[in-house]
Amino acid sequence: MTDADVMHLATQGMLLGAKLAAPILLVSLVIGFVISLLQAVTQVQEMSLTFVPKVIAVAVVLLVAGNWMMSESVTFTRQLFDQLPDLLRP
């Protein structure tokens, strides 16, 4: 296993992590921005007003995109296990 192999695997892992986290983070960001804008306009400063919609939105995203996220993770793991004999050769 060379340094290039290690860097390639690390890069693939980080890209997969970013790809899987992106939908959740983007939805949370948009919901947070909308709620903050609503709070600024109405001057209502309630902590649960920001927390509850984000939790609900993240749950919906996980329900909608969870199958895709799991299939991406399984595909990456299968590819990693398929490459394992080649990576362990001296």
PDB file of N, CA and C in Angstrom:
ATOM      1  N   MET A   1       0.859  -1.171   0.000  1.00  0.00           N
ATOM      2  CA  MET A   1       0.000   0.000   0.000  1.00  0.00           C
ATOM      3  C   MET A   1       0.905   1.233   0.000  1.00  0.00           C
ATOM      4  N   THR A   2       0.754   2.035  -1.012  1.00  0.00           N
ATOM      5  CA  THR A   2       1.609   3.205  -1.153  1.00  0.00           C
ATOM      6  C   THR A   2       0.932   4.420  -0.537  1.00  0.00           C
ATOM      7  N   ASP A   3       1.704   5.485  -0.479  1.00  0.00           N
ATOM      8  CA  ASP A   3       1.152   6.744   0.038  1.00  0.00           C
ATOM      9  C   ASP A   3       0.023   7.252  -0.847  1.00  0.00           C
ATOM     10  N   ALA A   4       0.146   7.027  -2.154  1.00  0.00           N
ATOM     11  CA  ALA A   4      -0.897   7.471  -3.083  1.00  0.00           C
ATOM     12  C   ALA A   4      -2.204   6.719  -2.825  1.00  0.00           C
ATOM     13  N   ASP A   5      -2.097   5.423  -2.507  1.00  0.00           N
ATOM     14  CA  ASP A   5      -3.300   4.645  -2.197  1.00  0.00           C
ATOM     15  C   ASP A   5      -3.988   5.172  -0.946  1.00  0.00           C
ATOM     16  N   VAL A   6      -3.202   5.486   0.060  1.00  0.00           N
ATOM     17  CA  VAL A   6      -3.757   6.014   1.309  1.00  0.00           C
ATOM     18  C   VAL A   6      -4.441   7.357   1.055  1.00  0.00           C
ATOM     19  N   MET A   7      -3.781   8.210   0.300  1.00  0.00           N
ATOM     20  CA  MET A   7      -4.370   9.521  -0.005  1.00  0.00           C
ATOM     21  C   MET A   7      -5.642   9.382  -0.834  1.00  0.00           C
ATOM     22  N   HIS A   8      -5.646   8.435  -1.757  1.00  0.00           N
ATOM     23  CA  HIS A   8      -6.837   8.210  -2.586  1.00  0.00           C
ATOM     24  C   HIS A   8      -8.009   7.737  -1.723  1.00  0.00           C
ATOM     25  N   LEU A   9      -7.752   6.793  -0.827  1.00  0.00           N
ATOM     26  CA  LEU A   9      -8.811   6.309   0.064  1.00  0.00           C
ATOM     27  C   LEU A   9      -9.298   7.406   1.007  1.00  0.00           C
ATOM     28  N   ALA A  10      -8.375   8.203   1.525  1.00  0.00           N
ATOM     29  CA  ALA A  10      -8.768   9.293   2.415  1.00  0.00           C
ATOM     30  C   ALA A  10      -9.604  10.328   1.674  1.00  0.00           C
ATOM     31  N   THR A  11      -9.220  10.636   0.459  1.00  0.00           N
ATOM     32  CA  THR A  11      -9.971  11.592  -0.354  1.00  0.00           C
ATOM     33  C   THR A  11     -11.373  11.071  -0.658  1.00  0.00           C
ATOM     34  N   GLN A  12     -11.457   9.785  -1.029  1.00  0.00           N
ATOM     35  CA  GLN A  12     -12.765   9.192  -1.298  1.00  0.00           C
ATOM     36  C   GLN A  12     -13.651   9.216  -0.057  1.00  0.00           C
ATOM     37  N   GLY A  13     -13.070   8.905   1.094  1.00  0.00           N
ATOM     38  CA  GLY A  13     -13.836   8.914   2.338  1.00  0.00           C
ATOM     39  C   GLY A  13     -14.334  10.306   2.698  1.00  0.00           C
ATOM     40  N   MET A  14     -13.484  11.308   2.541  1.00  0.00           N
ATOM     41  CA  MET A  14     -13.904  12.678   2.852  1.00  0.00           C
ATOM     42  C   MET A  14     -14.961  13.179   1.875  1.00  0.00           C
ATOM     43  N   LEU A  15     -14.828  12.836   0.594  1.00  0.00           N
ATOM     44  CA  LEU A  15     -15.841  13.232  -0.385  1.00  0.00           C
ATOM     45  C   LEU A  15     -17.179  12.558  -0.092  1.00  0.00           C
ATOM     46  N   LEU A  16     -17.134  11.289   0.302  1.00  0.00           N
ATOM     47  CA  LEU A  16     -18.367  10.603   0.659  1.00  0.00           C
ATOM     48  C   LEU A  16     -19.015  11.247   1.881  1.00  0.00           C
ATOM     49  N   GLY A  17     -18.218  11.577   2.874  1.00  0.00           N
ATOM     50  CA  GLY A  17     -18.751  12.241   4.061  1.00  0.00           C
ATOM     51  C   GLY A  17     -19.381  13.579   3.730  1.00  0.00           C
ATOM     52  N   ALA A  18     -18.731  14.349   2.871  1.00  0.00           N
ATOM     53  CA  ALA A  18     -19.284  15.648   2.467  1.00  0.00           C
ATOM     54  C   ALA A  18     -20.561  15.470   1.656  1.00  0.00           C
ATOM     55  N   LYS A  19     -20.575  14.467   0.772  1.00  0.00           N
ATOM     56  CA  LYS A  19     -21.754  14.219  -0.052  1.00  0.00           C
ATOM     57  C   LYS A  19     -22.941  13.769   0.794  1.00  0.00           C
ATOM     58  N   LEU A  20     -22.678  12.978   1.826  1.00  0.00           N
ATOM     59  CA  LEU A  20     -23.761  12.502   2.680  1.00  0.00           C
ATOM     60  C   LEU A  20     -24.259  13.586   3.638  1.00  0.00           C
ATOM     61  N   ALA A  21     -23.373  14.467   4.058  1.00  0.00           N
ATOM     62  CA  ALA A  21     -23.761  15.509   5.008  1.00  0.00           C
ATOM     63  C   ALA A  21     -24.397  16.721   4.324  1.00  0.00           C
ATOM     64  N   ALA A  22     -24.138  16.903   3.042  1.00  0.00           N
ATOM     65  CA  ALA A  22     -24.596  18.105   2.344  1.00  0.00           C
ATOM     66  C   ALA A  22     -26.111  18.319   2.393  1.00  0.00           C
ATOM     67  N   PRO A  23     -26.937  17.329   2.100  1.00  0.00           N
ATOM     68  CA  PRO A  23     -28.390  17.599   2.138  1.00  0.00           C
ATOM     69  C   PRO A  23     -28.874  18.029   3.517  1.00  0.00           C
ATOM     70  N   ILE A  24     -28.379  17.379   4.554  1.00  0.00           N
ATOM     71  CA  ILE A  24     -28.800  17.717   5.921  1.00  0.00           C
ATOM     72  C   ILE A  24     -28.344  19.123   6.281  1.00  0.00           C
ATOM     73  N   LEU A  25     -27.099  19.423   5.982  1.00  0.00           N
ATOM     74  CA  LEU A  25     -26.567  20.739   6.332  1.00  0.00           C
ATOM     75  C   LEU A  25     -27.237  21.858   5.549  1.00  0.00           C
ATOM     76  N   LEU A  26     -27.494  21.628   4.273  1.00  0.00           N
ATOM     77  CA  LEU A  26     -28.128  22.670   3.462  1.00  0.00           C
ATOM     78  C   LEU A  26     -29.561  22.944   3.920  1.00  0.00           C
ATOM     79  N   VAL A  27     -30.306  21.899   4.208  1.00  0.00           N
ATOM     80  CA  VAL A  27     -31.680  22.098   4.681  1.00  0.00           C
ATOM     81  C   VAL A  27     -31.675  22.800   6.030  1.00  0.00           C
ATOM     82  N   SER A  28     -30.775  22.397   6.905  1.00  0.00           N
ATOM     83  CA  SER A  28     -30.679  23.041   8.217  1.00  0.00           C
ATOM     84  C   SER A  28     -30.292  24.514   8.075  1.00  0.00           C
ATOM     85  N   LEU A  29     -29.392  24.811   7.153  1.00  0.00           N
ATOM     86  CA  LEU A  29     -28.981  26.194   6.914  1.00  0.00           C
ATOM     87  C   LEU A  29     -30.142  27.032   6.392  1.00  0.00           C
ATOM     88  N   VAL A  30     -30.871  26.510   5.437  1.00  0.00           N
ATOM     89  CA  VAL A  30     -31.995  27.260   4.856  1.00  0.00           C
ATOM     90  C   VAL A  30     -33.090  27.486   5.895  1.00  0.00           C
ATOM     91  N   ILE A  31     -33.429  26.441   6.648  1.00  0.00           N
ATOM     92  CA  ILE A  31     -34.459  26.583   7.679  1.00  0.00           C
ATOM     93  C   ILE A  31     -34.008  27.581   8.743  1.00  0.00           C
ATOM     94  N   GLY A  32     -32.752  27.501   9.152  1.00  0.00           N
ATOM     95  CA  GLY A  32     -32.231  28.438  10.142  1.00  0.00           C
ATOM     96  C   GLY A  32     -32.274  29.877   9.652  1.00  0.00           C
ATOM     97  N   PHE A  33     -31.934  30.082   8.379  1.00  0.00           N
ATOM     98  CA  PHE A  33     -31.973  31.428   7.814  1.00  0.00           C
ATOM     99  C   PHE A  33     -33.397  31.975   7.763  1.00  0.00           C
ATOM    100  N   VAL A  34     -34.331  31.142   7.331  1.00  0.00           N
ATOM    101  CA  VAL A  34     -35.731  31.578   7.242  1.00  0.00           C
ATOM    102  C   VAL A  34     -36.276  31.902   8.627  1.00  0.00           C
ATOM    103  N   ILE A  35     -35.991  31.059   9.590  1.00  0.00           N
ATOM    104  CA  ILE A  35     -36.482  31.300  10.952  1.00  0.00           C
ATOM    105  C   ILE A  35     -35.827  32.552  11.539  1.00  0.00           C
ATOM    106  N   SER A  36     -34.548  32.751  11.301  1.00  0.00           N
ATOM    107  CA  SER A  36     -33.872  33.951  11.801  1.00  0.00           C
ATOM    108  C   SER A  36     -34.452  35.210  11.165  1.00  0.00           C
ATOM    109  N   LEU A  37     -34.748  35.141   9.890  1.00  0.00           N
ATOM    110  CA  LEU A  37     -35.368  36.267   9.210  1.00  0.00           C
ATOM    111  C   LEU A  37     -36.752  36.544   9.786  1.00  0.00           C
ATOM    112  N   LEU A  38     -37.517  35.496  10.041  1.00  0.00           N
ATOM    113  CA  LEU A  38     -38.831  35.635  10.639  1.00  0.00           C
ATOM    114  C   LEU A  38     -38.735  36.232  12.046  1.00  0.00           C
ATOM    115  N   GLN A  39     -37.750  35.789  12.816  1.00  0.00           N
ATOM    116  CA  GLN A  39     -37.570  36.334  14.159  1.00  0.00           C
ATOM    117  C   GLN A  39     -37.150  37.797  14.129  1.00  0.00           C
ATOM    118  N   ALA A  40     -36.323  38.156  13.160  1.00  0.00           N
ATOM    119  CA  ALA A  40     -35.894  39.551  13.064  1.00  0.00           C
ATOM    120  C   ALA A  40     -37.063  40.455  12.680  1.00  0.00           C
ATOM    121  N   VAL A  41     -37.934  39.961  11.811  1.00  0.00           N
ATOM    122  CA  VAL A  41     -39.072  40.769  11.373  1.00  0.00           C
ATOM    123  C   VAL A  41     -40.097  40.919  12.489  1.00  0.00           C
ATOM    124  N   THR A  42     -40.367  39.816  13.194  1.00  0.00           N
ATOM    125  CA  THR A  42     -41.414  39.852  14.213  1.00  0.00           C
ATOM    126  C   THR A  42     -40.889  40.169  15.611  1.00  0.00           C
ATOM    127  N   GLN A  43     -39.597  40.174  15.797  1.00  0.00           N
ATOM    128  CA  GLN A  43     -38.934  40.410  17.079  1.00  0.00           C
ATOM    129  C   GLN A  43     -39.354  39.398  18.144  1.00  0.00           C
ATOM    130  N   VAL A  44     -39.629  38.186  17.712  1.00  0.00           N
ATOM    131  CA  VAL A  44     -39.934  37.085  18.636  1.00  0.00           C
ATOM    132  C   VAL A  44     -38.651  36.292  18.809  1.00  0.00           C
ATOM    133  N   GLN A  45     -38.106  36.249  20.003  1.00  0.00           N
ATOM    134  CA  GLN A  45     -36.851  35.548  20.276  1.00  0.00           C
ATOM    135  C   GLN A  45     -37.123  34.332  21.153  1.00  0.00           C
ATOM    136  N   GLU A  46     -37.549  33.275  20.536  1.00  0.00           N
ATOM    137  CA  GLU A  46     -37.848  32.040  21.251  1.00  0.00           C
ATOM    138  C   GLU A  46     -36.902  30.953  20.753  1.00  0.00           C
ATOM    139  N   MET A  47     -36.204  30.283  21.651  1.00  0.00           N
ATOM    140  CA  MET A  47     -35.210  29.275  21.265  1.00  0.00           C
ATOM    141  C   MET A  47     -35.851  28.059  20.604  1.00  0.00           C
ATOM    142  N   SER A  48     -36.998  27.640  21.094  1.00  0.00           N
ATOM    143  CA  SER A  48     -37.639  26.460  20.507  1.00  0.00           C
ATOM    144  C   SER A  48     -38.133  26.740  19.097  1.00  0.00           C
ATOM    145  N   LEU A  49     -38.313  27.992  18.756  1.00  0.00           N
ATOM    146  CA  LEU A  49     -38.760  28.347  17.414  1.00  0.00           C
ATOM    147  C   LEU A  49     -37.700  28.014  16.371  1.00  0.00           C
ATOM    148  N   THR A  50     -36.438  28.033  16.748  1.00  0.00           N
ATOM    149  CA  THR A  50     -35.385  27.670  15.798  1.00  0.00           C
ATOM    150  C   THR A  50     -35.083  26.177  15.840  1.00  0.00           C
ATOM    151  N   PHE A  51     -35.211  25.562  16.989  1.00  0.00           N
ATOM    152  CA  PHE A  51     -34.805  24.171  17.150  1.00  0.00           C
ATOM    153  C   PHE A  51     -35.797  23.182  16.544  1.00  0.00           C
ATOM    154  N   VAL A  52     -37.052  23.339  16.835  1.00  0.00           N
ATOM    155  CA  VAL A  52     -38.062  22.361  16.418  1.00  0.00           C
ATOM    156  C   VAL A  52     -38.190  22.269  14.892  1.00  0.00           C
ATOM    157  N   PRO A  53     -38.286  23.382  14.152  1.00  0.00           N
ATOM    158  CA  PRO A  53     -38.369  23.240  12.687  1.00  0.00           C
ATOM    159  C   PRO A  53     -37.130  22.592  12.072  1.00  0.00           C
ATOM    160  N   LYS A  54     -35.961  22.874  12.633  1.00  0.00           N
ATOM    161  CA  LYS A  54     -34.750  22.247  12.107  1.00  0.00           C
ATOM    162  C   LYS A  54     -34.776  20.739  12.326  1.00  0.00           C
ATOM    163  N   VAL A  55     -35.192  20.312  13.494  1.00  0.00           N
ATOM    164  CA  VAL A  55     -35.258  18.874  13.782  1.00  0.00           C
ATOM    165  C   VAL A  55     -36.255  18.193  12.855  1.00  0.00           C
ATOM    166  N   ILE A  56     -37.395  18.820  12.647  1.00  0.00           N
ATOM    167  CA  ILE A  56     -38.397  18.243  11.755  1.00  0.00           C
ATOM    168  C   ILE A  56     -37.880  18.187  10.318  1.00  0.00           C
ATOM    169  N   ALA A  57     -37.224  19.250   9.866  1.00  0.00           N
ATOM    170  CA  ALA A  57     -36.702  19.287   8.501  1.00  0.00           C
ATOM    171  C   ALA A  57     -35.606  18.250   8.302  1.00  0.00           C
ATOM    172  N   VAL A  58     -34.725  18.096   9.281  1.00  0.00           N
ATOM    173  CA  VAL A  58     -33.655  17.099   9.175  1.00  0.00           C
ATOM    174  C   VAL A  58     -34.257  15.693   9.163  1.00  0.00           C
ATOM    175  N   ALA A  59     -35.292  15.463   9.961  1.00  0.00           N
ATOM    176  CA  ALA A  59     -35.948  14.158   9.954  1.00  0.00           C
ATOM    177  C   ALA A  59     -36.580  13.868   8.588  1.00  0.00           C
ATOM    178  N   VAL A  60     -37.191  14.871   7.982  1.00  0.00           N
ATOM    179  CA  VAL A  60     -37.786  14.685   6.656  1.00  0.00           C
ATOM    180  C   VAL A  60     -36.706  14.396   5.621  1.00  0.00           C
ATOM    181  N   VAL A  61     -35.592  15.117   5.694  1.00  0.00           N
ATOM    182  CA  VAL A  61     -34.494  14.871   4.758  1.00  0.00           C
ATOM    183  C   VAL A  61     -33.952  13.461   4.924  1.00  0.00           C
ATOM    184  N   LEU A  62     -33.815  13.009   6.161  1.00  0.00           N
ATOM    185  CA  LEU A  62     -33.333  11.650   6.386  1.00  0.00           C
ATOM    186  C   LEU A  62     -34.321  10.610   5.868  1.00  0.00           C
ATOM    187  N   LEU A  63     -35.616  10.875   5.998  1.00  0.00           N
ATOM    188  CA  LEU A  63     -36.612   9.955   5.455  1.00  0.00           C
ATOM    189  C   LEU A  63     -36.563   9.912   3.925  1.00  0.00           C
ATOM    190  N   VAL A  64     -36.380  11.080   3.323  1.00  0.00           N
ATOM    191  CA  VAL A  64     -36.376  11.154   1.862  1.00  0.00           C
ATOM    192  C   VAL A  64     -35.060  10.647   1.276  1.00  0.00           C
ATOM    193  N   ALA A  65     -33.930  11.073   1.836  1.00  0.00           N
ATOM    194  CA  ALA A  65     -32.630  10.763   1.250  1.00  0.00           C
ATOM    195  C   ALA A  65     -31.894   9.640   1.968  1.00  0.00           C
ATOM    196  N   GLY A  66     -32.510   9.054   2.984  1.00  0.00           N
ATOM    197  CA  GLY A  66     -31.825   8.011   3.745  1.00  0.00           C
ATOM    198  C   GLY A  66     -31.464   6.794   2.926  1.00  0.00           C
ATOM    199  N   ASN A  67     -32.350   6.395   2.016  1.00  0.00           N
ATOM    200  CA  ASN A  67     -32.069   5.244   1.159  1.00  0.00           C
ATOM    201  C   ASN A  67     -30.856   5.512   0.270  1.00  0.00           C
ATOM    202  N   TRP A  68     -30.796   6.701  -0.308  1.00  0.00           N
ATOM    203  CA  TRP A  68     -29.661   7.072  -1.148  1.00  0.00           C
ATOM    204  C   TRP A  68     -28.373   7.121  -0.328  1.00  0.00           C
ATOM    205  N   MET A  69     -28.452   7.688   0.870  1.00  0.00           N
ATOM    206  CA  MET A  69     -27.273   7.769   1.732  1.00  0.00           C
ATOM    207  C   MET A  69     -26.753   6.384   2.086  1.00  0.00           C
ATOM    208  N   MET A  70     -27.659   5.485   2.417  1.00  0.00           N
ATOM    209  CA  MET A  70     -27.254   4.131   2.766  1.00  0.00           C
ATOM    210  C   MET A  70     -26.650   3.409   1.567  1.00  0.00           C
ATOM    211  N   SER A  71     -27.248   3.569   0.395  1.00  0.00           N
ATOM    212  CA  SER A  71     -26.703   2.905  -0.788  1.00  0.00           C
ATOM    213  C   SER A  71     -25.325   3.448  -1.149  1.00  0.00           C
ATOM    214  N   GLU A  72     -25.111   4.748  -0.985  1.00  0.00           N
ATOM    215  CA  GLU A  72     -23.777   5.316  -1.235  1.00  0.00           C
ATOM    216  C   GLU A  72     -22.746   4.746  -0.260  1.00  0.00           C
ATOM    217  N   SER A  73     -23.131   4.631   1.003  1.00  0.00           N
ATOM    218  CA  SER A  73     -22.216   4.090   2.014  1.00  0.00           C
ATOM    219  C   SER A  73     -21.895   2.626   1.746  1.00  0.00           C
ATOM    220  N   VAL A  74     -22.918   1.853   1.383  1.00  0.00           N
ATOM    221  CA  VAL A  74     -22.704   0.433   1.095  1.00  0.00           C
ATOM    222  C   VAL A  74     -21.847   0.267  -0.150  1.00  0.00           C
ATOM    223  N   THR A  75     -22.081   1.079  -1.172  1.00  0.00           N
ATOM    224  CA  THR A  75     -21.271   1.014  -2.390  1.00  0.00           C
ATOM    225  C   THR A  75     -19.812   1.324  -2.090  1.00  0.00           C
ATOM    226  N   PHE A  76     -19.565   2.355  -1.305  1.00  0.00           N
ATOM    227  CA  PHE A  76     -18.195   2.709  -0.940  1.00  0.00           C
ATOM    228  C   PHE A  76     -17.531   1.575  -0.163  1.00  0.00           C
ATOM    229  N   THR A  77     -18.259   0.987   0.779  1.00  0.00           N
ATOM    230  CA  THR A  77     -17.690  -0.090   1.591  1.00  0.00           C
ATOM    231  C   THR A  77     -17.411  -1.320   0.739  1.00  0.00           C
ATOM    232  N   ARG A  78     -18.316  -1.657  -0.164  1.00  0.00           N
ATOM    233  CA  ARG A  78     -18.076  -2.805  -1.057  1.00  0.00           C
ATOM    234  C   ARG A  78     -16.864  -2.574  -1.942  1.00  0.00           C
ATOM    235  N   GLN A  79     -16.730  -1.376  -2.485  1.00  0.00           N
ATOM    236  CA  GLN A  79     -15.563  -1.072  -3.306  1.00  0.00           C
ATOM    237  C   GLN A  79     -14.284  -1.167  -2.493  1.00  0.00           C
ATOM    238  N   LEU A  80     -14.351  -0.722  -1.259  1.00  0.00           N
ATOM    239  CA  LEU A  80     -13.182  -0.791  -0.386  1.00  0.00           C
ATOM    240  C   LEU A  80     -12.796  -2.242  -0.108  1.00  0.00           C
ATOM    241  N   PHE A  81     -13.789  -3.088   0.182  1.00  0.00           N
ATOM    242  CA  PHE A  81     -13.497  -4.495   0.418  1.00  0.00           C
ATOM    243  C   PHE A  81     -13.025  -5.202  -0.856  1.00  0.00           C
ATOM    244  N   ASP A  82     -13.534  -4.788  -2.011  1.00  0.00           N
ATOM    245  CA  ASP A  82     -13.059  -5.367  -3.275  1.00  0.00           C
ATOM    246  C   ASP A  82     -11.615  -4.978  -3.553  1.00  0.00           C
ATOM    247  N   GLN A  83     -11.214  -3.790  -3.158  1.00  0.00           N
ATOM    248  CA  GLN A  83      -9.840  -3.318  -3.381  1.00  0.00           C
ATOM    249  C   GLN A  83      -8.857  -3.831  -2.341  1.00  0.00           C
ATOM    250  N   LEU A  84      -9.363  -4.408  -1.270  1.00  0.00           N
ATOM    251  CA  LEU A  84      -8.526  -4.801  -0.149  1.00  0.00           C
ATOM    252  C   LEU A  84      -7.391  -5.742  -0.530  1.00  0.00           C
ATOM    253  N   PRO A  85      -7.602  -6.795  -1.327  1.00  0.00           N
ATOM    254  CA  PRO A  85      -6.467  -7.657  -1.674  1.00  0.00           C
ATOM    255  C   PRO A  85      -5.368  -6.915  -2.448  1.00  0.00           C
ATOM    256  N   ASP A  86      -5.764  -6.010  -3.329  1.00  0.00           N
ATOM    257  CA  ASP A  86      -4.765  -5.245  -4.072  1.00  0.00           C
ATOM    258  C   ASP A  86      -4.017  -4.270  -3.166  1.00  0.00           C
ATOM    259  N   LEU A  87      -4.706  -3.745  -2.171  1.00  0.00           N
ATOM    260  CA  LEU A  87      -4.075  -2.779  -1.282  1.00  0.00           C
ATOM    261  C   LEU A  87      -3.100  -3.440  -0.304  1.00  0.00           C
ATOM    262  N   LEU A  88      -3.336  -4.707   0.016  1.00  0.00           N
ATOM    263  CA  LEU A  88      -2.481  -5.380   0.977  1.00  0.00           C
ATOM    264  C   LEU A  88      -1.235  -6.012   0.361  1.00  0.00           C
ATOM    265  N   ARG A  89      -1.125  -6.001  -0.932  1.00  0.00           N
ATOM    266  CA  ARG A  89       0.072  -6.546  -1.580  1.00  0.00           C
ATOM    267  C   ARG A  89       1.273  -5.646  -1.286  1.00  0.00           C
ATOM    268  N   PRO A  90       2.415  -6.266  -1.030  1.00  0.00           N
ATOM    269  CA  PRO A  90       3.619  -5.438  -0.737  1.00  0.00           C
ATOM    270  C   PRO A  90       4.171  -4.738  -1.960  1.00  0.00           C
TER     271      PRO A  90
END
